[in-house]
Protein backbone atom coordinates (compact mmCIF):
# COMPACT_ATOMS: atom_id res chain seq x y z
CA MET A 1 105.25 94.78 87.07
CA PRO A 2 105.87 91.18 88.14
CA ILE A 3 106.49 91.84 91.88
CA ALA A 4 103.31 92.39 93.90
CA GLU A 5 104.56 92.41 97.52
CA VAL A 6 107.72 92.13 99.60
CA ARG A 7 107.93 91.31 103.29
CA VAL A 8 111.08 91.03 105.41
CA ARG A 9 111.38 89.54 108.87
CA ASN A 10 114.34 89.39 111.23
CA PHE A 11 116.68 90.95 108.67
CA ARG A 12 118.88 93.94 109.47
CA ALA A 13 116.70 96.75 110.90
CA PHE A 14 113.46 94.82 110.29
CA ALA A 15 111.91 92.63 112.94
CA ASP A 16 108.92 92.55 110.60
CA SER A 17 108.65 95.11 107.82
CA GLY A 18 105.00 94.34 107.14
CA ALA A 19 103.83 93.75 103.58
CA ALA A 20 105.06 96.37 101.11
CA ARG A 21 102.88 96.62 98.00
CA PHE A 22 104.85 97.03 94.80
CA GLY A 23 103.77 98.72 91.58
CA GLY A 24 105.87 99.22 88.47
CA VAL A 25 108.05 102.01 89.89
CA ILE A 26 108.60 101.90 93.64
CA PRO A 27 110.37 104.76 95.44
CA ILE A 28 111.54 103.81 98.94
CA VAL A 29 111.76 106.96 101.05
CA GLY A 30 112.66 107.74 104.65
CA ARG A 31 115.26 109.38 106.83
CA ASN A 32 118.91 108.39 106.77
CA ASP A 33 119.57 105.12 108.59
CA ALA A 34 115.86 104.27 108.69
CA GLY A 35 116.53 100.99 106.89
CA LYS A 36 115.61 101.82 103.28
CA SER A 37 118.57 100.01 101.74
CA GLY A 38 117.68 96.95 103.82
CA LEU A 39 114.74 96.29 101.49
CA LEU A 40 117.01 96.41 98.43
CA HIS A 41 119.53 94.10 100.08
CA ALA A 42 116.73 91.72 101.03
CA LEU A 43 115.60 91.61 97.39
CA ARG A 44 119.14 90.92 96.28
CA LEU A 45 119.46 88.12 98.80
CA PHE A 46 116.17 86.62 97.62
CA PHE A 47 117.22 86.60 93.97
CA GLU A 48 120.83 85.66 94.74
CA PRO A 49 120.72 83.31 97.75
CA PRO A 50 124.11 82.19 99.08
CA ARG A 51 125.40 79.12 97.26
CA LYS A 52 126.84 77.84 100.49
CA GLY A 53 126.91 79.07 104.05
CA GLY A 54 124.52 81.65 105.43
CA LEU A 55 124.27 85.28 106.48
CA ASP A 56 126.72 87.38 108.39
CA LEU A 57 125.56 87.83 111.98
CA SER A 58 125.22 91.58 111.35
CA ASP A 59 122.43 90.82 108.84
CA ILE A 60 120.31 89.10 111.50
CA HIS A 61 118.01 91.48 113.35
CA ALA A 62 119.24 92.12 116.92
CA LYS A 63 122.27 89.95 116.02
CA GLU A 64 120.73 86.82 117.50
CA PRO A 65 123.18 83.94 116.80
CA ASP A 66 120.31 81.49 116.34
CA GLY A 67 118.11 83.92 114.45
CA VAL A 68 116.65 83.16 111.01
CA ALA A 69 115.93 85.90 108.47
CA GLU A 70 112.85 85.56 106.26
CA ILE A 71 112.41 87.21 102.88
CA GLU A 72 109.00 86.79 101.26
CA VAL A 73 108.30 87.95 97.71
CA ALA A 74 104.95 87.65 95.93
CA PHE A 75 104.72 87.70 92.12
CA ARG A 76 101.82 88.33 89.75
CA PRO A 77 101.78 85.16 87.62
CA ALA A 78 100.26 86.90 84.59
CA ASP A 79 103.15 89.39 84.56
CA LEU A 80 105.88 86.74 84.45
CA ALA A 81 107.38 85.74 81.11
CA THR A 82 105.52 82.42 81.39
CA GLN A 83 103.47 80.45 83.91
CA GLU A 84 104.79 77.10 82.66
CA VAL A 85 107.35 75.40 84.89
CA ARG A 86 108.97 72.26 83.44
CA ILE A 87 110.13 70.24 86.44
CA ASP A 88 111.45 67.31 84.39
CA ALA A 89 110.68 65.40 81.19
CA LYS A 90 107.40 64.04 82.61
CA ASN A 91 106.22 66.89 84.81
CA LYS A 92 105.11 70.32 83.63
CA ILE A 93 103.34 72.69 86.04
CA HIS A 94 101.20 75.74 85.32
CA LEU A 95 101.25 78.20 88.23
CA THR A 96 97.54 79.00 88.37
CA ASP A 97 96.01 75.91 86.76
CA ASP A 98 98.01 73.63 89.06
CA CYS A 99 97.35 75.62 92.26
CA LEU A 100 100.84 76.93 92.96
CA VAL A 101 99.38 80.29 94.02
CA ASP A 102 97.86 81.55 97.27
CA SER A 103 94.24 82.54 97.91
CA SER A 104 94.85 85.97 96.33
CA GLY A 105 96.22 84.41 93.13
CA LEU A 106 99.86 85.36 93.78
CA LEU A 107 102.96 83.19 93.54
CA ARG A 108 104.35 83.73 97.05
CA ILE A 109 107.85 82.43 97.80
CA ARG A 110 109.61 82.60 101.17
CA LEU A 111 113.32 82.15 101.80
CA LYS A 112 114.64 81.49 105.32
CA ILE A 113 118.35 81.91 106.01
CA SER A 114 120.38 81.51 109.21
CA THR A 115 124.02 82.39 109.77
CA LYS A 116 124.91 78.87 108.63
CA THR A 117 122.66 77.95 105.72
CA ILE A 118 119.37 78.32 103.86
CA THR A 119 116.96 76.66 106.28
CA ALA A 120 113.81 76.72 104.14
CA ASN A 121 112.59 77.46 100.64
CA GLU A 122 108.79 77.57 100.65
CA ILE A 123 105.72 78.45 98.59
CA LEU A 124 102.36 79.52 100.01
CA ILE A 125 99.73 77.64 98.02
CA GLN A 126 96.03 76.87 98.12
CA ASP A 127 95.02 73.35 97.12
CA VAL A 128 92.56 70.60 98.13
CA ASP A 129 92.32 70.06 101.88
CA ASP A 130 93.38 66.43 101.94
CA ASP A 131 96.44 65.16 103.81
CA ASP A 132 97.26 62.60 101.12
CA LEU A 133 96.90 64.99 98.20
CA PHE A 134 98.22 68.31 99.54
CA PRO A 135 100.11 69.67 97.68
CA LEU A 136 99.35 67.96 94.38
CA ALA A 137 101.51 70.21 92.22
CA ILE A 138 104.75 68.91 93.72
CA LYS A 139 103.87 65.22 93.45
CA ASN A 140 105.90 63.32 90.86
CA HIS A 141 104.56 60.91 88.25
CA ASP A 142 104.84 57.76 90.38
CA GLN A 143 103.24 59.45 93.39
CA LEU A 144 100.30 60.59 91.25
CA LEU A 145 99.78 57.05 89.90
CA GLU A 146 99.76 55.69 93.45
CA LEU A 147 97.25 58.33 94.60
CA LEU A 148 94.95 57.57 91.67
CA THR A 149 94.98 53.89 92.59
CA GLN A 150 94.33 54.64 96.28
CA HIS A 151 91.28 56.72 95.36
CA GLY A 152 89.90 54.11 92.97
CA LEU A 153 90.63 56.17 89.86
CA PRO A 154 92.15 54.98 86.56
CA ALA A 155 95.94 55.13 86.76
CA VAL A 156 96.89 55.94 83.18
CA LYS A 157 100.62 55.67 82.58
CA ALA A 158 102.85 58.20 80.88
CA GLY A 159 102.27 58.90 77.22
CA LYS A 160 98.50 58.55 77.44
CA GLU A 161 97.70 61.12 80.12
CA THR A 162 99.73 64.09 81.37
CA ASN A 163 100.53 64.70 85.01
CA GLN A 164 98.39 67.84 84.80
CA GLU A 165 95.43 65.68 83.80
CA LYS A 166 96.14 63.30 86.69
CA ARG A 167 96.18 66.20 89.15
CA SER A 168 92.94 67.54 87.70
CA THR A 169 91.28 64.13 88.09
CA LEU A 170 92.37 63.90 91.73
CA ARG A 171 91.14 67.43 92.50
CA GLN A 172 87.77 66.73 90.91
CA LYS A 173 87.41 63.57 92.98
CA ALA A 174 88.36 65.42 96.19
CA THR A 175 85.85 68.18 95.41
CA SER A 176 83.06 65.65 94.76
CA ASP A 177 83.94 64.03 98.13
CA GLY A 178 83.27 67.37 99.82
CA LYS A 179 86.89 68.40 100.36
CA GLY A 180 87.47 72.13 100.67
CA LEU A 181 90.64 74.16 100.18
CA ARG A 182 93.68 74.55 102.40
CA GLU A 183 96.28 77.33 102.29
CA ALA A 184 99.69 76.54 103.75
CA TRP A 185 103.41 76.99 103.25
CA VAL A 186 105.03 73.96 101.64
CA ASP A 187 108.64 72.98 101.06
CA ALA A 188 109.58 73.95 97.49
CA THR A 189 113.21 72.82 97.54
CA SER A 190 112.59 70.13 94.94
CA ILE A 191 111.29 72.61 92.35
CA ASP A 192 113.15 75.74 93.43
CA LYS A 193 115.67 75.81 90.57
CA LYS A 194 113.05 75.29 87.90
CA LEU A 195 110.70 77.77 89.53
CA ARG A 196 113.38 80.45 89.57
CA GLU A 197 113.87 80.07 85.83
CA ILE A 198 110.54 81.81 85.18
CA LEU A 199 111.06 84.58 87.76
CA PRO A 200 112.32 88.01 86.70
CA GLN A 201 116.06 88.58 86.86
CA LEU A 202 117.46 91.11 89.29
CA ILE A 203 119.85 93.82 88.10
CA VAL A 204 121.34 95.98 90.85
CA PHE A 205 122.86 99.44 90.54
CA THR A 206 124.62 100.40 93.74
CA ASP A 207 125.72 103.89 94.71
CA THR A 208 129.36 102.97 93.98
CA ALA A 209 131.40 103.13 90.80
CA ASN A 210 131.67 99.36 90.50
CA TYR A 211 129.53 98.75 87.41
CA GLY A 212 130.55 95.66 85.50
CA ILE A 213 129.27 92.37 84.25
CA GLY A 214 131.41 90.36 86.64
CA GLU A 215 130.49 92.20 89.83
CA THR A 216 129.09 89.03 91.38
CA PRO A 217 128.94 85.43 90.14
CA VAL A 218 125.15 85.62 89.79
CA GLN A 219 124.10 89.06 88.63
CA ASN A 220 125.49 92.03 86.79
CA GLN A 221 124.26 95.41 85.69
CA PHE A 222 124.51 94.69 81.99
CA LYS A 223 122.98 91.24 81.87
CA GLY A 224 120.07 92.58 79.83
CA ILE A 225 122.47 93.70 77.09
CA VAL A 226 124.17 90.31 76.99
CA ASP A 227 120.83 88.45 76.97
CA LYS A 228 119.52 90.48 74.05
CA ALA A 229 122.77 90.25 72.10
CA LEU A 230 122.83 86.46 72.34
CA ALA A 231 119.09 86.17 71.67
CA ALA A 232 119.69 88.04 68.41
CA GLN A 233 122.39 85.54 67.39
CA PRO A 234 120.50 83.04 65.18
CA ASN A 235 123.10 80.30 65.57
CA ALA A 236 123.26 80.37 69.38
CA LYS A 237 120.08 78.35 70.00
CA GLN A 238 120.88 76.03 67.12
CA ILE A 239 124.29 75.24 68.63
CA GLU A 240 122.71 74.68 72.06
CA ASP A 241 120.17 72.27 70.53
CA GLN A 242 122.89 70.42 68.64
CA ILE A 243 124.91 69.95 71.83
CA ARG A 244 121.85 68.65 73.68
CA ALA A 245 121.01 66.29 70.82
CA THR A 246 124.55 64.95 70.72
CA ILE A 247 124.56 64.35 74.47
CA GLN A 248 121.15 62.66 74.28
CA ALA A 249 122.39 60.40 71.48
CA GLU A 250 125.24 59.17 73.66
CA PHE A 251 122.89 58.50 76.59
CA ASP A 252 120.58 56.65 74.21
CA LYS A 253 123.44 54.21 73.64
CA VAL A 254 123.77 53.75 77.40
CA PHE A 255 120.01 53.20 77.65
CA GLU A 256 120.09 50.48 74.98
CA ARG A 257 122.37 48.48 77.24
CA LEU A 258 120.38 49.32 80.38
CA HIS A 259 117.15 48.16 78.73
CA ARG A 260 118.70 44.75 78.12
CA LEU A 261 119.34 44.46 81.86
CA THR A 262 115.94 45.60 83.20
CA SER A 263 112.44 46.41 81.94
CA THR A 264 111.62 48.70 84.87
CA VAL A 265 113.17 51.72 83.12
CA THR A 266 111.26 52.73 79.99
CA SER A 267 113.21 55.82 78.97
CA LEU A 268 116.28 57.85 79.80
CA GLU A 269 116.32 61.58 79.07
CA ALA A 270 119.44 63.67 79.52
CA ASN A 271 118.41 67.21 80.48
CA ALA A 272 121.66 68.92 79.55
CA LYS A 273 122.02 72.50 80.75
CA VAL A 274 123.62 74.43 77.90
CA SER A 275 123.65 78.23 77.82
CA TRP A 276 125.65 80.59 75.66
CA LYS A 277 124.62 83.37 78.06
CA LYS A 278 127.32 82.08 80.39
CA ALA A 279 129.91 82.33 77.63
CA VAL A 280 130.42 86.06 78.32
CA ASP A 281 132.73 85.99 81.32
CA GLY A 282 133.39 89.68 81.72
CA ILE A 283 132.97 93.16 80.26
CA GLY A 284 135.51 95.87 80.90
CA LEU A 285 134.36 99.39 80.01
CA ALA A 286 136.70 102.16 78.91
CA TRP A 287 135.94 105.76 77.98
CA GLY A 288 137.49 107.61 75.06
CA ASP A 289 138.13 111.28 75.76
CA PRO A 290 138.38 114.18 73.24
CA ALA A 291 142.16 113.74 73.18
CA GLY A 292 141.80 110.15 72.00
CA ILE A 293 142.92 108.67 75.32
CA SER A 294 141.17 105.54 76.61
CA ILE A 295 140.28 105.83 80.29
CA PRO A 296 139.00 102.94 82.48
CA TYR A 297 135.36 103.35 83.49
CA GLU A 298 136.07 103.72 87.20
CA MET A 299 138.56 106.54 86.57
CA ARG A 300 135.99 108.98 85.18
CA GLY A 301 134.08 111.40 87.39
CA ALA A 302 131.04 110.27 89.36
CA GLY A 303 128.74 112.60 87.41
CA VAL A 304 129.69 111.06 84.04
CA ARG A 305 129.31 107.55 85.44
CA ARG A 306 125.81 108.41 86.62
CA LEU A 307 124.94 109.89 83.22
CA PHE A 308 126.00 106.56 81.78
CA MET A 309 123.43 104.94 84.08
CA VAL A 310 120.75 107.27 82.68
CA ALA A 311 121.73 106.26 79.13
CA TYR A 312 121.66 102.58 80.10
CA PHE A 313 118.14 102.78 81.49
CA GLN A 314 116.98 104.71 78.43
CA TYR A 315 118.44 101.90 76.33
CA GLU A 316 116.62 99.27 78.39
CA ALA A 317 113.38 101.23 78.08
CA ALA A 318 113.47 101.24 74.26
CA ALA A 319 110.38 99.22 73.35
CA SER A 320 111.98 97.85 70.17
CA LEU A 321 114.42 95.86 72.28
CA HIS A 322 111.79 93.96 74.24
CA ALA A 323 109.56 91.31 72.73
CA PRO A 324 106.19 90.69 74.43
CA GLY A 325 106.47 87.70 76.73
CA GLY A 326 110.24 88.06 76.96
CA GLN A 327 112.48 88.07 80.00
CA ARG A 328 111.33 90.32 82.85
CA TYR A 329 113.74 92.29 85.02
CA VAL A 330 113.68 93.86 88.45
CA PHE A 331 115.98 96.88 88.51
CA ALA A 332 117.11 97.80 92.01
CA VAL A 333 118.85 101.18 92.29
CA GLU A 334 120.40 102.88 95.29
CA GLU A 335 119.79 106.63 95.32
CA PRO A 336 119.63 107.23 91.54
CA GLU A 337 119.73 111.00 92.08
CA VAL A 338 123.35 111.00 93.32
CA HIS A 339 125.57 113.29 91.17
CA LEU A 340 122.70 113.96 88.71
CA HIS A 341 121.38 117.37 87.69
CA PRO A 342 117.57 117.65 88.20
CA GLY A 343 117.09 117.57 84.42
CA ALA A 344 118.98 114.27 84.17
CA GLN A 345 116.97 112.99 87.12
CA ARG A 346 113.77 113.67 85.20
CA ASP A 347 115.19 111.84 82.16
CA LEU A 348 116.02 108.85 84.34
CA ASP A 349 112.62 108.92 86.02
CA ALA A 350 110.96 108.86 82.58
CA ALA A 351 113.08 105.84 81.61
CA PHE A 352 112.04 104.07 84.82
CA ARG A 353 108.36 104.58 83.94
CA GLU A 354 108.86 103.36 80.40
CA LEU A 355 110.44 100.19 81.79
CA ALA A 356 107.43 99.70 84.04
CA ASP A 357 105.14 100.10 81.02
CA LEU A 358 107.08 97.27 79.37
CA GLY A 359 106.33 94.93 82.29
CA HIS A 360 109.46 95.33 84.40
CA SER A 361 109.81 96.58 87.99
CA VAL A 362 112.07 99.39 89.18
CA VAL A 363 112.63 99.78 92.91
CA PHE A 364 114.94 102.44 94.34
CA THR A 365 115.82 104.30 97.50
CA THR A 366 115.70 108.07 97.19
CA HIS A 367 115.75 111.45 98.90
CA SER A 368 114.96 113.25 95.66
CA PRO A 369 111.70 115.20 95.19
CA VAL A 370 112.01 114.59 91.42
CA PHE A 371 111.69 110.82 91.80
CA ALA A 372 109.37 110.74 94.80
CA SER A 373 106.86 113.33 93.63
CA SER A 374 106.00 111.73 90.29
CA ALA A 375 105.20 108.25 91.62
CA PRO A 376 101.58 107.35 92.41
CA LEU A 377 101.14 107.82 96.13
CA ARG A 378 99.96 104.21 96.50
CA ASP A 379 103.39 103.00 95.27
CA VAL A 380 105.54 105.06 97.64
CA VAL A 381 107.12 102.95 100.38
CA LEU A 382 107.98 104.85 103.56
CA VAL A 383 110.49 103.25 105.93
CA VAL A 384 110.33 104.53 109.50
CA ARG A 385 112.29 103.54 112.58
CA PRO A 386 110.42 104.68 115.68
CA ASP A 387 112.68 102.53 117.88
CA ALA A 388 115.25 99.84 117.13
CA ARG A 389 112.91 98.25 114.62
CA ALA A 390 112.21 99.53 111.11
CA GLU A 391 108.74 99.34 109.61
CA VAL A 392 107.19 99.87 106.19
CA ARG A 393 104.23 102.22 105.81
CA GLN A 394 102.06 103.00 102.80
CA VAL A 395 98.81 104.82 102.18
CA PRO A 396 96.50 105.11 103.99
CA HIS A 397 98.82 104.55 106.97
CA MET A 398 101.27 107.37 106.28
CA ASP A 399 101.09 111.16 106.23
CA ALA A 400 101.82 112.25 102.66
CA THR A 401 102.23 115.87 103.74
CA LYS A 402 105.05 115.03 106.15
CA ILE A 403 106.83 112.96 103.50
CA ALA A 404 106.50 115.76 100.98
CA ALA A 405 107.87 118.29 103.45
CA GLU A 406 110.79 116.03 104.31
CA LEU A 407 111.68 115.48 100.65
CA GLY A 408 111.13 119.07 99.61
CA VAL A 409 108.18 118.35 97.30
CA GLU A 410 106.45 121.68 96.73
CA ALA A 411 103.37 122.92 94.96
CA SER A 412 103.82 124.61 91.59
CA ASP A 413 105.03 128.21 91.77
CA ARG A 414 102.39 128.98 89.11
CA LEU A 415 99.74 128.72 91.84
CA VAL A 416 99.21 132.49 91.92
CA GLY A 417 96.92 135.00 90.27
CA LYS A 418 93.75 132.91 89.82
CA ASN A 419 91.06 131.94 92.31
CA HIS A 420 89.88 128.89 90.38
CA VAL A 421 92.22 126.02 89.46
CA ILE A 422 91.63 123.02 87.22
CA LEU A 423 94.22 120.32 87.91
CA VAL A 424 95.26 118.15 84.95
CA GLU A 425 97.88 115.44 84.63
CA GLY A 426 100.72 116.88 82.52
CA PRO A 427 102.00 119.94 80.62
CA ARG A 428 100.53 118.69 77.31
CA ASP A 429 97.12 118.47 79.02
CA VAL A 430 97.44 122.09 80.13
CA GLU A 431 98.15 123.18 76.54
CA PHE A 432 95.34 121.08 75.03
CA TYR A 433 92.58 122.09 77.45
CA SER A 434 93.60 125.76 77.31
CA VAL A 435 93.22 125.73 73.51
CA VAL A 436 89.94 123.78 73.57
CA LEU A 437 88.35 126.03 76.20
CA SER A 438 89.36 129.18 74.30
CA LEU A 439 87.99 127.81 71.02
CA LEU A 440 84.66 126.78 72.54
CA ARG A 441 84.30 130.03 74.52
CA ASN A 442 85.04 132.24 71.49
CA ALA A 443 82.49 130.28 69.43
CA GLY A 444 79.84 130.73 72.12
CA HIS A 445 79.54 127.06 73.11
CA THR A 446 80.50 127.50 76.78
CA THR A 447 80.26 130.35 79.27
CA LEU A 448 83.34 129.30 81.26
CA ASP A 449 85.80 132.18 80.78
CA PRO A 450 89.44 131.07 80.25
CA ASN A 451 90.53 134.23 82.09
CA ASP A 452 88.81 133.00 85.26
CA VAL A 453 90.59 129.65 85.55
CA LEU A 454 94.12 128.29 85.71
CA PHE A 455 94.91 124.91 84.20
CA LEU A 456 97.69 123.48 86.35
CA GLN A 457 99.56 120.23 85.80
CA CYS A 458 100.33 118.32 88.96
CA GLY A 459 102.69 115.71 87.50
CA GLY A 460 100.10 112.96 87.54
CA ILE A 461 97.18 112.03 89.74
CA CYS A 462 97.26 110.77 93.35
CA ASN A 463 100.97 111.40 93.80
CA LEU A 464 102.86 113.45 96.38
CA ARG A 465 102.78 116.60 94.25
CA PHE A 466 99.02 116.27 93.81
CA SER A 467 98.61 115.93 97.58
CA VAL A 468 100.82 118.94 98.32
CA THR A 469 99.22 121.10 95.62
CA THR A 470 95.66 120.43 96.73
CA ARG A 471 96.51 121.18 100.34
CA CYS A 472 98.15 124.46 99.34
CA ILE A 473 95.08 125.37 97.28
CA ASP A 474 92.83 124.62 100.25
CA THR A 475 95.04 126.66 102.59
CA ALA A 476 94.88 129.59 100.18
CA GLY A 477 91.08 129.35 100.06
CA LEU A 478 90.96 128.75 96.30
CA LYS A 479 88.41 126.61 94.50
CA TRP A 480 89.67 123.71 92.47
CA ALA A 481 88.54 120.89 90.20
CA VAL A 482 90.21 117.91 88.54
CA LEU A 483 89.98 116.92 84.87
CA ALA A 484 91.58 113.53 84.22
CA ASP A 485 91.82 110.70 81.70
CA SER A 486 89.50 107.76 82.37
CA ASP A 487 91.84 105.19 80.74
CA ARG A 488 88.80 103.14 79.76
CA ILE A 489 89.42 100.57 77.06
CA ALA A 490 85.78 100.14 75.98
CA PRO A 491 82.49 102.10 76.08
CA GLY A 492 81.03 102.01 79.58
CA GLY A 493 83.95 99.91 80.80
CA PRO A 494 85.78 100.39 84.10
CA MET A 495 88.21 103.27 84.44
CA GLY A 496 91.92 102.70 84.90
CA ASP A 497 93.51 102.14 88.31
CA ASP A 498 94.62 105.77 88.72
CA ALA A 499 91.16 107.11 87.87
CA GLU A 500 89.45 104.63 90.19
CA GLU A 501 91.81 105.54 93.02
CA LEU A 502 91.28 109.26 92.45
CA GLN A 503 87.52 108.79 92.51
CA ALA A 504 87.80 106.90 95.80
CA THR A 505 90.27 109.22 97.55
CA CYS A 506 89.75 112.72 96.12
CA PRO A 507 89.47 115.29 98.96
CA VAL A 508 85.99 116.63 99.70
CA SER A 509 87.29 120.14 99.03
CA CYS A 510 87.40 119.31 95.31
CA ALA A 511 84.57 121.30 93.71
CA ALA A 512 84.28 119.06 90.63
CA LEU A 513 85.88 115.76 89.62
CA LYS A 514 85.58 115.15 85.87
CA PHE A 515 86.80 112.19 83.79
CA LEU A 516 86.85 111.86 80.04
CA ALA A 517 84.37 109.27 78.83
CA ARG A 518 86.99 107.94 76.40
CA SER A 519 90.49 106.77 77.26
CA ASN A 520 92.42 110.03 76.93
CA ILE A 521 92.87 113.27 74.98
CA GLU A 522 94.20 111.56 71.84
CA ASN A 523 90.82 109.86 71.28
CA TYR A 524 89.28 113.26 70.47
CA LEU A 525 91.75 114.25 67.74
CA ASP A 526 91.14 114.31 63.99
CA ALA A 527 93.42 111.79 62.25
CA GLY A 528 93.64 113.89 59.07
CA ILE A 529 94.81 116.95 60.99
CA VAL A 530 97.24 114.82 63.03
CA LYS A 531 98.83 113.83 59.72
CA ALA A 532 98.87 117.44 58.50
CA VAL A 533 100.56 118.68 61.70
CA THR A 534 102.95 115.77 62.42
CA GLY A 535 103.23 113.86 59.17
CA ILE A 536 102.05 110.71 60.99
CA ASP A 537 99.47 108.63 59.13
CA CYS A 538 97.29 107.07 61.82
CA ALA A 539 93.81 105.97 62.86
CA ILE A 540 92.20 107.46 65.97
CA PRO A 541 89.90 105.03 67.80
CA GLN A 542 87.45 106.26 70.41
CA TYR A 543 89.13 104.02 73.00
CA GLY A 544 92.71 102.95 73.41
CA LYS A 545 95.83 104.28 71.71
CA PRO A 546 96.07 105.62 68.17
CA THR A 547 97.06 102.94 65.66
CA ASP A 548 98.46 102.78 62.15
CA PRO A 549 95.83 102.96 59.36
CA ALA A 550 95.54 99.15 59.36
CA GLY A 551 94.91 99.01 63.11
CA GLY A 552 98.43 97.93 64.07
CA PRO A 553 100.31 99.38 67.07
CA LEU A 554 102.38 102.53 66.82
CA GLY A 555 105.76 102.92 68.48
CA LYS A 556 106.12 104.71 71.80
CA ARG A 557 107.99 107.61 70.19
CA THR A 558 105.27 108.05 67.55
CA LEU A 559 102.55 108.03 70.20
CA LYS A 560 104.47 110.67 72.13
CA GLN A 561 104.69 112.84 69.00
CA ILE A 562 100.92 112.67 68.62
CA LYS A 563 100.34 113.57 72.27
CA ASP A 564 102.86 116.42 72.14
CA ALA A 565 101.07 117.84 69.10
CA GLY A 566 97.62 117.68 70.76
CA SER A 567 97.21 121.42 71.28
CA SER A 568 98.38 122.24 67.72
CA VAL A 569 95.99 119.66 66.30
CA ALA A 570 93.13 121.09 68.41
CA GLN A 571 93.92 124.60 67.15
CA GLN A 572 93.75 123.37 63.55
CA MET A 573 90.50 121.48 64.22
CA GLY A 574 88.79 124.65 65.44
CA ALA A 575 85.60 124.78 67.49
CA ALA A 576 83.56 122.91 64.84
CA GLY A 577 86.09 120.07 64.70
CA ILE A 578 86.29 119.83 68.49
CA LEU A 579 82.49 119.62 68.74
CA ALA A 580 82.28 116.99 65.99
CA HIS A 581 84.98 114.76 67.53
CA SER A 582 83.77 114.95 71.14
CA GLN A 583 80.09 114.07 70.85
CA ASP A 584 78.58 111.74 73.44
CA GLY A 585 75.73 109.31 72.81
CA LYS A 586 73.24 112.18 72.77
CA GLY A 587 75.17 114.28 70.26
CA VAL A 588 76.46 116.75 72.87
CA SER A 589 80.14 117.66 73.15
CA GLU A 590 81.79 116.13 76.24
CA PHE A 591 84.03 119.17 76.57
CA VAL A 592 81.05 121.53 76.65
CA LEU A 593 79.45 119.41 79.39
CA ILE A 594 82.71 119.24 81.36
CA PHE A 595 83.45 122.96 81.20
CA ASP A 596 79.86 123.97 81.99
CA GLY A 597 79.83 121.54 84.92
CA ILE A 598 83.06 123.00 86.31
CA ARG A 599 81.72 126.56 85.87
CA GLN A 600 78.61 125.70 87.87
CA ALA A 601 80.68 123.98 90.58
CA PHE A 602 82.87 127.10 90.84
CA GLY A 603 79.79 129.34 90.98
CA LEU A 604 80.97 131.46 88.06
């Protein structure tokens, strides 16, 4: 999830949106005409700034002829494909090591655009508080040599010391002289093009039928497909390198003559921009129907076109197509639910979340309870328009109940018949815990009666459905508890973000809040029985995901098969197996402790 925050000023309905925090999947909700799509258009403008000219006057808030729109996007450096920015042959910058980030460690870029032109391209950075040095990262080789001389430091020329080393020397000297740190916006025009090369690429799906690679000169919906196809072509990079080498050889001949004329130039490097990715000029899609007739893409029904979008996102989410450290994408989608059956919406939502797990960001506007209810509440962006100005609100500054009511997010209709409810994350959790409790109760290891409690999945933790469900339970006067994964990666380590947030925000009406000591349910399964039930040969660590027998990673589909089989595996393990595979440091079963603790909290 490379994008951390977005802020928009003086653009469309926003005088100042305020900072919108971004997670991996970001639903933007709100009433019609509140300004939701303005955030998507601002993102598009940030990633695809006008090549010449400026904005239409209608894009400037309040239509001020002299107004300037500002779009500010903050990135998590560690989530980018790389932190190395090669400015030129002599200057390479590392985002964090060379202080191109703000005080919170984010790469924060701000674009200012008037109706005539781009007026500013800036970065907010924190570096040494010295007028001569600030900002060091953008100084070129000659400027760094001059600064070293001015400060009485050795000025080592190129080839013997890198520019990064020169900057480090200057910072150390400034620190020893008692200089502190300064945070300020600086002009980044000189490095903008190189900086953008490491940013994620934006792929936009609008609510129209116009899907095609040539939709705009800069972006297209299927760029990811083209990128991966060319990356898989072994000769493409070789041809690019050959072209660059040939060009450099010709410039070397020019340099030989230049060197005879002057000794002030010691090298000449031709940084040729060669990219086979630009060789694909257009993609026209056509459908074949059962009668064998080829039909242009735009001539098919809207429902089929949207199903194609679901298939595309499922393709993008396939882990086998994405190498670690590869290109990152930001997928921006307008109202993905349009023309989709709720089942297809759930399929698309699952693909969005798989993309987020792979390190990409998906941001979309929606009125759909399917999409909005499954997102962590902290990631929901609410756009409101109390007057002529739109604003962004997020927890804790928004009323989740009102949003849920507006979107039609409802509590489960299974919330009947039992006075005691144990909320768990998903349907597989319901099946697993139901089996485990029955096994342990029948064997006499716990006194919590399965007939007294209802395991209820709430589609995740700390999302809109969780909020609505717990409020309905409270209104009905029922008692409830939560049993959740800890997502720890090591013994005694910190819990995952969702678990930490739940611990900090769980309503006081919750009778018992229980977390697994290990990462999740799969860590309590017997590997031999997993193989017997699923045919998957694996190793089950106490923390983290199951692996292959040698400790290597398993594919996402294989991991899902293991999770889906959890209740069947537990049934085969029996009470003795459950006890043996869930012992804590004192030799006591975690599940026995959890169920007995919940029984006591319920007063049963």
